[in-house]
Amino acid sequence: MLLQLIPLEINYKSNKNMENKDRNLYRLDELSDYKVASDYSDVRGWKIVDADNRTIGTIDNLWVNKDMQRVVYLDVKADKTLIEDSQREVHENIADGNEKEFMYRDGDSHLIIPIGSVNINKDTKTVMASGIGYDTFRRTGRFNTQQRFDRNYEREVLRSYYPDNDPSLGYDSDDDTFYSRKEFGDR
């Protein structure tokens, strides 16, 4: 069975994770009062593949927008081969005098993927990003889990995944309307 959204059940017994009103996104494992709804699969630890069934990595965590009470991104630990292919491309471009706009730092091994961009197969415990290819993932900027990413990183990732999208579709929004697009499950 293929699913597109992972709703959250919320336990309101404690508000200890509610104190920082400026934060937009939280890792699900940071939120003791939140969990994946019982009738949906918790995809953490599952493999994620691209449109051609090539391994991209493993889902390490889920990024939750607390105001919207839903998952908006999968946090993917990039596969070693994907990282090595990216490093090889950067080195080849530098050798050719064609430096890239980005350089990966040690530890930058995670990608975010909007939840509406994937299909979840419960039977095989595999997640497929059917509209995004391996080369796009290879060239997309990554982040280090020891640091928070910001809205600019989110915008860069979306532009990398969907370069033909109309930029007027809310990329510049700084509020929750940023997540009100098909990439996040709103169709």
Protein backbone atom coordinates (compact mmCIF):
# COMPACT_ATOMS: atom_id res chain seq x y z
CA MET A 1 0.00 0.00 0.00
CA LEU A 2 1.36 3.42 -0.93
CA LEU A 3 0.91 6.36 1.43
CA GLN A 4 1.72 10.02 0.95
CA LEU A 5 1.40 11.59 4.40
CA ILE A 6 2.39 10.43 7.83
CA PRO A 7 -0.04 12.03 10.29
CA LEU A 8 0.96 12.47 13.89
CA GLU A 9 -0.87 11.59 17.05
CA ILE A 10 -0.28 14.08 19.82
CA ASN A 11 -0.21 13.45 23.54
CA TYR A 12 -0.89 16.76 25.31
CA LYS A 13 0.27 15.69 28.80
CA SER A 14 3.45 17.76 28.62
CA ASN A 15 4.44 21.04 27.05
CA LYS A 16 8.20 20.81 27.72
CA ASN A 17 8.97 20.83 23.97
CA MET A 18 6.82 23.87 23.26
CA GLU A 19 9.04 26.57 24.78
CA ASN A 20 10.87 27.79 21.66
CA LYS A 21 8.21 29.61 19.64
CA ASP A 22 10.72 30.74 16.97
CA ARG A 23 11.60 27.23 15.85
CA ASN A 24 9.71 25.94 12.89
CA LEU A 25 10.81 22.34 12.48
CA TYR A 26 11.72 19.61 14.95
CA ARG A 27 13.05 16.10 14.56
CA LEU A 28 10.40 13.65 15.64
CA ASP A 29 12.81 12.09 18.14
CA GLU A 30 13.06 15.49 19.88
CA LEU A 31 9.32 15.54 20.54
CA SER A 32 8.38 13.09 23.26
CA ASP A 33 4.72 14.12 22.95
CA TYR A 34 4.50 13.25 19.26
CA LYS A 35 4.49 9.93 17.43
CA VAL A 36 3.53 8.50 14.06
CA ALA A 37 -0.17 7.66 14.04
CA SER A 38 -0.84 3.99 14.79
CA ASP A 39 -2.43 3.27 11.41
CA TYR A 40 0.64 4.54 9.48
CA SER A 41 4.13 3.16 9.14
CA ASP A 42 7.06 4.69 10.96
CA VAL A 43 9.55 4.77 8.09
CA ARG A 44 12.64 5.54 10.16
CA GLY A 45 15.30 2.97 9.32
CA TRP A 46 13.76 2.19 5.92
CA LYS A 47 15.69 2.41 2.65
CA ILE A 48 14.85 5.21 0.22
CA VAL A 49 15.38 4.81 -3.52
CA ASP A 50 15.16 7.13 -6.51
CA ALA A 51 12.94 6.86 -9.57
CA ASP A 52 15.24 4.17 -11.04
CA ASN A 53 15.33 2.16 -7.79
CA ARG A 54 18.92 3.24 -6.96
CA THR A 55 19.61 3.54 -3.24
CA ILE A 56 19.74 7.11 -1.95
CA GLY A 57 20.10 6.26 1.72
CA THR A 58 18.26 5.35 4.87
CA ILE A 59 15.58 7.41 6.58
CA ASP A 60 17.14 8.55 9.83
CA ASN A 61 14.40 10.79 11.18
CA LEU A 62 11.26 12.75 10.36
CA TRP A 63 11.08 16.56 10.41
CA VAL A 64 7.84 17.79 11.96
CA ASN A 65 6.16 21.17 11.68
CA LYS A 66 4.55 21.42 15.11
CA ASP A 67 2.16 24.23 14.18
CA MET A 68 0.78 22.12 11.34
CA GLN A 69 1.08 18.91 13.41
CA ARG A 70 2.50 16.90 10.56
CA VAL A 71 5.66 15.54 9.01
CA VAL A 72 7.02 17.75 6.24
CA TYR A 73 10.43 16.17 5.51
CA LEU A 74 12.18 12.84 5.63
CA ASP A 75 15.70 13.16 7.05
CA VAL A 76 17.82 10.82 4.93
CA LYS A 77 21.31 9.65 5.80
CA ALA A 78 22.88 9.54 2.36
CA ASP A 79 24.24 6.21 1.15
CA LYS A 80 28.04 5.95 1.10
CA THR A 81 28.04 5.47 -2.69
CA LEU A 82 26.01 8.65 -3.21
CA ILE A 83 28.47 10.61 -1.04
CA GLU A 84 31.49 9.15 -2.86
CA ASP A 85 29.94 9.92 -6.27
CA SER A 86 29.32 13.52 -5.14
CA GLN A 87 32.88 13.95 -3.89
CA ARG A 88 34.27 12.49 -7.11
CA GLU A 89 32.21 14.96 -9.17
CA VAL A 90 33.43 17.92 -7.10
CA HIS A 91 37.07 16.84 -7.44
CA GLU A 92 36.69 16.32 -11.21
CA ASN A 93 35.12 19.75 -11.63
CA ILE A 94 37.87 21.43 -9.63
CA ALA A 95 40.50 19.63 -11.72
CA ASP A 96 38.76 20.90 -14.87
CA GLY A 97 38.59 24.45 -13.48
CA ASN A 98 34.80 24.30 -13.14
CA GLU A 99 34.29 24.77 -9.42
CA LYS A 100 30.85 24.05 -8.05
CA GLU A 101 28.74 26.51 -6.08
CA PHE A 102 28.99 24.24 -3.06
CA MET A 103 31.56 22.12 -1.35
CA TYR A 104 30.56 19.42 1.08
CA ARG A 105 32.07 19.59 4.55
CA ASP A 106 32.96 16.50 6.54
CA GLY A 107 29.83 15.28 8.27
CA ASP A 108 27.41 16.70 5.68
CA SER A 109 25.74 13.38 5.09
CA HIS A 110 22.02 14.11 5.38
CA LEU A 111 19.39 15.23 2.87
CA ILE A 112 15.83 16.38 3.40
CA ILE A 113 13.10 15.12 1.11
CA PRO A 114 9.58 16.61 1.22
CA ILE A 115 7.05 14.02 2.37
CA GLY A 116 4.76 14.68 -0.60
CA SER A 117 7.59 13.73 -2.98
CA VAL A 118 7.67 10.08 -1.96
CA ASN A 119 5.59 6.93 -2.04
CA ILE A 120 5.76 4.55 0.89
CA ASN A 121 5.54 0.82 0.31
CA LYS A 122 4.66 -0.94 3.58
CA ASP A 123 5.13 -4.41 2.11
CA THR A 124 8.76 -3.93 1.06
CA LYS A 125 9.54 -1.29 3.71
CA THR A 126 10.90 0.92 0.98
CA VAL A 127 10.30 4.60 0.27
CA MET A 128 10.55 5.78 -3.35
CA ALA A 129 11.19 9.32 -4.49
CA SER A 130 9.62 8.58 -7.85
CA GLY A 131 10.06 12.01 -9.40
CA ILE A 132 13.66 12.67 -8.36
CA GLY A 133 16.67 10.96 -9.94
CA TYR A 134 19.99 9.81 -8.50
CA ASP A 135 22.01 12.61 -10.12
CA THR A 136 19.74 15.22 -8.58
CA PHE A 137 20.25 13.71 -5.12
CA ARG A 138 23.99 13.51 -5.79
CA ARG A 139 24.15 17.24 -6.58
CA THR A 140 21.79 18.44 -3.86
CA GLY A 141 23.36 20.16 -0.87
CA ARG A 142 23.46 18.16 2.33
CA PHE A 143 23.51 19.12 5.99
CA ASN A 144 25.16 17.95 9.19
CA THR A 145 22.80 16.66 11.87
CA GLN A 146 24.77 18.56 14.52
CA GLN A 147 23.52 21.81 12.99
CA ARG A 148 20.05 23.10 12.17
CA PHE A 149 19.20 23.96 8.61
CA ASP A 150 17.31 27.12 7.77
CA ARG A 151 14.63 28.16 5.28
CA ASN A 152 17.30 29.12 2.73
CA TYR A 153 18.57 25.52 2.75
CA GLU A 154 14.98 24.30 2.30
CA ARG A 155 14.57 26.62 -0.70
CA GLU A 156 17.86 25.45 -2.25
CA VAL A 157 16.84 21.82 -1.87
CA LEU A 158 13.43 22.39 -3.45
CA ARG A 159 14.99 24.28 -6.36
CA SER A 160 17.41 21.40 -6.82
CA TYR A 161 14.64 18.78 -6.82
CA TYR A 162 12.15 20.84 -8.84
CA PRO A 163 14.07 23.33 -11.04
CA ASP A 164 11.12 23.83 -13.38
CA ASN A 165 8.65 24.83 -10.66
CA ASP A 166 7.23 28.32 -10.81
CA PRO A 167 9.15 30.36 -8.18
CA SER A 168 5.99 32.29 -7.37
CA LEU A 169 4.54 29.14 -5.72
CA GLY A 170 5.54 30.23 -2.24
CA TYR A 171 9.29 29.56 -2.15
CA ASP A 172 9.84 32.98 -0.60
CA SER A 173 7.28 32.53 2.14
CA ASP A 174 8.65 32.60 5.68
CA ASP A 175 5.53 31.21 7.34
CA ASP A 176 3.74 27.86 7.21
CA THR A 177 2.28 28.57 3.75
CA PHE A 178 5.72 27.45 2.53
CA TYR A 179 4.53 23.89 3.28
CA SER A 180 1.14 24.28 1.54
CA ARG A 181 2.26 22.86 -1.79
CA LYS A 182 2.17 19.49 -3.49
CA GLU A 183 5.79 18.72 -2.47
CA PHE A 184 4.53 18.51 1.11
CA GLY A 185 1.39 16.55 0.37
CA ASP A 186 -1.06 19.39 -0.23
CA ARG A 187 -2.47 18.68 -3.66
